[in-house]
Protein backbone atom coordinates (compact mmCIF):
# COMPACT_ATOMS: atom_id res chain seq x y z
CA MET A 1 23.07 -133.08 33.81
CA ASN A 2 22.10 -130.46 31.26
CA ASN A 3 24.10 -131.67 28.26
CA CYS A 4 23.41 -129.64 25.41
CA TYR A 5 22.91 -125.97 24.19
CA PRO A 6 21.72 -123.76 25.73
CA PHE A 7 24.01 -124.87 28.71
CA VAL A 8 23.36 -123.94 32.31
CA ASN A 9 25.22 -124.12 35.39
CA THR A 10 23.69 -127.01 37.50
CA PRO A 11 24.37 -127.22 41.28
CA LEU A 12 27.34 -128.88 43.01
CA PRO A 13 26.37 -132.30 44.43
CA TYR A 14 27.32 -131.00 47.93
CA ALA A 15 27.59 -127.83 49.81
CA TYR A 16 30.22 -125.23 48.96
CA ASN A 17 31.95 -125.78 52.62
CA ALA A 18 31.36 -129.66 52.21
CA LEU A 19 34.74 -130.32 50.95
CA GLU A 20 36.81 -128.12 54.56
CA PRO A 21 39.21 -128.62 55.48
CA TYR A 22 40.74 -129.72 52.50
CA ILE A 23 38.93 -127.25 49.91
CA ASP A 24 37.60 -124.16 51.39
CA GLU A 25 34.22 -122.74 50.94
CA LYS A 26 35.29 -119.55 49.24
CA THR A 27 37.26 -121.41 46.57
CA MET A 28 34.44 -123.72 45.70
CA ARG A 29 32.01 -120.81 45.38
CA LEU A 30 34.34 -118.89 42.99
CA HIS A 31 35.40 -121.91 41.41
CA HIS A 32 31.87 -123.26 40.37
CA ASP A 33 29.91 -119.91 40.63
CA LYS A 34 32.54 -117.67 38.33
CA HIS A 35 34.96 -119.68 36.78
CA LEU A 36 32.70 -122.26 35.75
CA GLN A 37 29.83 -119.88 34.76
CA THR A 38 31.99 -117.89 32.69
CA TYR A 39 32.92 -121.10 30.40
CA ILE A 40 29.14 -121.66 30.24
CA ASP A 41 28.33 -118.09 29.16
CA GLY A 42 31.19 -118.17 26.65
CA LEU A 43 30.14 -121.90 24.79
CA ASN A 44 26.66 -120.62 24.81
CA LYS A 45 27.34 -117.38 23.29
CA LEU A 46 29.51 -119.28 20.71
CA LEU A 47 27.17 -121.84 20.17
CA LYS A 48 24.10 -119.47 19.36
CA SER A 49 25.61 -118.57 15.83
CA GLN A 50 26.52 -122.12 15.23
CA PRO A 51 22.64 -124.10 14.86
CA ALA A 52 24.12 -126.93 13.52
CA LEU A 53 26.20 -127.25 16.76
CA GLN A 54 23.18 -126.76 19.21
CA SER A 55 21.63 -130.43 19.47
CA CYS A 56 25.32 -131.85 20.05
CA SER A 57 25.94 -133.22 23.71
CA LEU A 58 29.44 -131.79 25.11
CA GLN A 59 30.80 -135.05 24.81
CA THR A 60 29.82 -135.26 20.80
CA LEU A 61 31.02 -131.66 20.78
CA LEU A 62 34.71 -132.50 22.08
CA ALA A 63 34.74 -135.91 20.36
CA ASN A 64 35.31 -133.53 17.44
CA TRP A 65 37.65 -131.36 19.12
CA ASN A 66 40.28 -130.84 16.37
CA HIS A 67 37.64 -129.72 13.88
CA LEU A 68 36.36 -127.13 16.22
CA PRO A 69 37.15 -123.46 16.20
CA VAL A 70 39.68 -122.72 18.93
CA SER A 71 37.49 -120.36 21.14
CA LEU A 72 34.65 -122.86 21.25
CA ARG A 73 36.78 -126.13 21.81
CA ASN A 74 38.56 -123.84 25.09
CA ASN A 75 34.92 -123.08 26.41
CA ALA A 76 33.46 -126.70 25.68
CA GLY A 77 36.14 -128.28 27.41
CA GLY A 78 36.31 -125.59 30.33
CA VAL A 79 32.71 -126.95 31.01
CA TYR A 80 33.49 -130.59 30.81
CA ASN A 81 36.34 -130.72 32.75
CA HIS A 82 35.48 -128.74 35.78
CA ARG A 83 31.81 -130.60 35.61
CA PHE A 84 34.02 -133.99 35.56
CA PHE A 85 36.40 -132.52 38.38
CA PHE A 86 33.47 -131.27 40.52
CA ASP A 87 31.53 -134.89 39.98
CA SER A 88 34.59 -136.84 41.02
CA LEU A 89 34.64 -135.02 44.57
CA THR A 90 33.03 -136.12 47.79
CA PRO A 91 32.90 -134.76 51.22
CA CYS A 92 31.79 -138.05 52.66
CA PRO A 93 34.67 -140.24 51.28
CA LYS A 94 34.50 -144.16 53.00
CA ASP A 95 38.48 -144.92 52.42
CA PHE A 96 41.47 -143.00 51.25
CA GLN A 97 41.60 -145.68 48.58
CA PRO A 98 38.73 -147.69 46.88
CA ALA A 99 37.27 -149.86 49.08
CA ILE A 100 37.74 -153.63 48.75
CA SER A 101 34.57 -155.27 47.62
CA THR A 102 33.44 -157.94 45.21
CA ASP A 103 31.77 -154.56 43.19
CA ASN A 104 35.00 -152.81 43.31
CA LYS A 105 36.73 -153.31 40.20
CA ILE A 106 39.07 -150.05 40.26
CA LEU A 107 40.99 -150.76 42.82
CA PRO A 108 42.60 -154.24 41.48
CA ALA A 109 43.00 -152.77 38.08
CA ILE A 110 44.93 -149.67 39.45
CA GLU A 111 46.90 -152.42 41.79
CA LYS A 112 47.81 -154.17 38.54
CA GLN A 113 48.30 -151.35 36.26
CA PHE A 114 50.54 -149.29 38.87
CA CYS A 115 52.20 -152.22 40.66
CA GLY A 116 50.15 -150.93 43.80
CA PHE A 117 48.18 -148.07 44.85
CA ASP A 118 50.86 -146.20 46.59
CA ARG A 119 52.72 -146.21 43.43
CA PHE A 120 49.79 -145.02 41.86
CA CYS A 121 49.46 -142.02 43.93
CA SER A 122 53.12 -141.35 43.48
CA LEU A 123 53.04 -141.21 39.81
CA TRP A 124 49.58 -139.07 39.94
CA LYS A 125 51.39 -136.65 42.45
CA GLU A 126 54.53 -136.62 40.15
CA SER A 127 52.21 -136.01 36.95
CA ALA A 128 50.19 -132.82 38.68
CA LEU A 129 53.12 -131.41 39.78
CA SER A 130 55.04 -131.41 36.13
CA VAL A 131 51.75 -129.53 34.74
CA PHE A 132 53.75 -126.13 33.70
CA GLY A 133 51.24 -123.64 34.25
CA SER A 134 47.39 -124.34 34.02
CA GLY A 135 45.90 -127.67 33.24
CA TYR A 136 44.91 -131.22 34.32
CA VAL A 137 45.90 -134.82 35.51
CA TRP A 138 43.88 -137.33 34.17
CA LEU A 139 43.21 -141.20 34.84
CA VAL A 140 42.02 -142.85 31.68
CA CYS A 141 41.08 -145.68 30.04
CA GLU A 142 42.68 -146.50 26.60
CA CYS A 143 41.98 -150.17 25.01
CA GLY A 144 41.56 -151.65 28.58
CA MET A 145 44.65 -150.50 30.47
CA LEU A 146 44.96 -147.61 32.71
CA LYS A 147 46.64 -144.10 32.13
CA ILE A 148 47.81 -141.33 33.74
CA ILE A 149 47.81 -138.50 31.11
CA THR A 150 48.00 -134.65 31.71
CA THR A 151 46.33 -131.95 29.46
CA ALA A 152 47.20 -128.15 29.44
CA ASN A 153 44.90 -125.43 29.68
CA GLN A 154 41.37 -126.85 29.06
CA ASN A 155 42.30 -129.85 26.78
CA VAL A 156 40.64 -132.80 27.40
CA PRO A 157 41.66 -135.93 26.63
CA ASP A 158 40.87 -137.86 23.34
CA LEU A 159 37.11 -138.70 24.05
CA CYS A 160 37.34 -141.16 20.87
CA LEU A 161 40.09 -143.24 21.98
CA GLN A 162 40.16 -142.96 25.92
CA THR A 163 37.52 -143.15 28.73
CA PRO A 164 38.21 -140.28 31.36
CA LEU A 165 37.70 -141.97 34.75
CA LEU A 166 39.16 -139.18 37.34
CA ASN A 167 40.65 -135.77 37.22
CA LEU A 168 42.41 -133.04 39.07
CA ASP A 169 42.40 -129.44 38.05
CA VAL A 170 45.52 -127.76 38.85
CA TRP A 171 44.78 -124.29 37.75
CA GLU A 172 45.55 -121.65 40.41
CA HIS A 173 42.51 -120.58 40.86
CA THR A 174 41.59 -124.20 42.19
CA TYR A 175 43.95 -123.89 45.02
CA TYR A 176 45.35 -120.85 45.57
CA LEU A 177 43.25 -118.89 48.34
CA LYS A 178 44.10 -121.95 50.90
CA HIS A 179 47.22 -123.51 49.65
CA TYR A 180 48.80 -120.26 47.80
CA ASN A 181 51.34 -121.55 45.58
CA MET A 182 51.81 -124.93 47.42
CA ARG A 183 50.25 -127.13 45.00
CA THR A 184 52.14 -130.30 46.43
CA ASP A 185 49.58 -129.24 49.63
CA TYR A 186 46.87 -129.14 47.34
CA ILE A 187 47.06 -132.85 45.69
CA ASP A 188 47.92 -134.18 49.21
CA ASP A 189 44.31 -132.75 50.48
CA TRP A 190 42.69 -133.61 47.38
CA PHE A 191 43.53 -137.47 47.85
CA HIS A 192 41.07 -137.22 50.74
CA LEU A 193 37.76 -136.30 48.43
CA ILE A 194 37.64 -138.60 45.92
CA ASN A 195 34.62 -140.29 45.18
CA TRP A 196 36.00 -143.50 44.41
CA ASP A 197 32.47 -144.84 44.04
CA VAL A 198 32.13 -142.47 41.05
CA VAL A 199 35.40 -143.47 39.56
CA ASN A 200 34.45 -147.14 39.69
CA ASN A 201 31.21 -146.77 38.44
CA ARG A 202 32.67 -144.86 35.25
CA TYR A 203 35.01 -147.69 34.98
CA ARG A 204 32.78 -150.69 35.20
CA ALA A 205 30.32 -148.80 32.40
CA GLN A 206 33.47 -148.33 30.24
CA ASN A 207 34.26 -152.15 30.58
CA SER A 208 31.00 -152.95 29.89
CA LYS A 209 30.55 -150.86 26.88
CA ARG A 210 34.13 -153.08 25.60
CA THR A 211 32.05 -156.32 26.40
CA GLU A 212 28.82 -155.51 24.32
């Protein structure tokens, strides 16, 4: 993934229509080619006049969130959040919940932390519906514990403290063309598209770092 200035809009890891019937092709085209591109263009424009920051990765920029100008923060967050969201989806999910296997670490962790996968889904949906206006819901790992958090607008989790594992974009442009104002229907459909292999790999990677 292109991760330093100048940033480019890398292709989706699936076709625009691959997530149907849950997310429609027109929404995916607009979301990726227009909304994400706008944040990439904005970030590149701001970094053009900040040569000291041009060698920083996206994660490094956002790890110094509080020291960034608001405009740079918003655009960097927009790029990071959208890429993370798109990469967390798959048109061919193996199961509604993570598969049970010796390699799967995220399902036991979710069941332990949230007292079952069904309760995790309920808490996630509750959090997603609680976001007023625009923002994201995240599953993060903090000090070895899983947490569900929300961020407003294009804010990101505290990357110095928390490892993001999964996110859900609840900006209206993500779902309005298909689901209109019914955010709850969009959330229900999104559950069918989660790439649990990606989430599990992120979780295993952060566990490996903690034990090094």
